[in-house]
Amino acid sequence: MSSTTPVASADDIATHGWSAVPCDASVIFTKKPIVKPTALKVADMQFPVNDPVVVEVQRYAKEHLPEQTYNHSMRVYHWGFSIIKDQFPEHSRLSMSTWALTCLLHDIGTTHDNLRATLLSFEFYGGILALNLIKGHGASTAQAEAVAEAIIRHQDLGTVGTISFLGQVIQLATIYDNMGGNPGLIDEETRLDVNRAYPRKGWSGCFSKTIREENALKPWAHTTHLGEEDFPEGVKNNDLMADVDGWGL
């Protein structure tokens, strides 16, 4: 019996973050401890504004996401940029366009209409939406599927198995922004500058409310595996970002 494998070149694997890494970030940082992060400004972390697919998807995100969610998505881009630069230089070939697309669309499933458009958990529906949207704008299959996989698994926290490198970085960056996880990943100057550029406007309470909204609509939602009370309460009481949570209100 013959077998087939997905068609992806070694370049596709490196460029779009398909390398397998441990699901458990603590395993990664036990083997290679967190290094002192570089103090970066938003201006130091270039967004891929010349990529036509990113341009179209950014326009879509601005149109469809509430401002607080859009700002969260942009903060996540910059957190991830810093994390990749300092903690994972061996993955420096990762396309910042692929990273930007993942960040812009990772919470597209949480909008009022999208939460109610499907029985699927928001990450899964968001991954499907992202896959179709990105391919529709001309992205390669390897890129579009990398983004979809990362979005689907961006709340798939666990201690067993592996995840794509792109998926691990979106987990690290979102947990940092939402709950203050692994605070040593980001320099304090960077934390403040990114929050100035993309103010939170009460994000902690906003996202906590969204989590509870999905769990009420879909008691089977994947989000519940993070703890029906622990997760929304952890987001709401994000001590790391408490001093900047009201910026922009």
Foldseek 3Di string as FASTA:
>chain_A
DDDDDDDDDPLLCLAQQQDKDFLAVVVVCVVPPADQFDQDFPVRQDQPCVDQLLVVLLVVLVVQPDLLLQLLLQQLLLLLSRLCVRPPVVSVNHHSSLLSLLSSQLQSCLGPVNLVPDLAASLLSSLVVQLVSSVVSPDDNSSSNSSSQLSNCLVVHDRDDIGGRSNSSSVVSNCCSQQVPPVSSHDPNHVVNSCQVRPNQQVLLVVLVSLLVSCVVHVPHPNCVVPSPCRSVSRNPRPVCPVRNNPPD
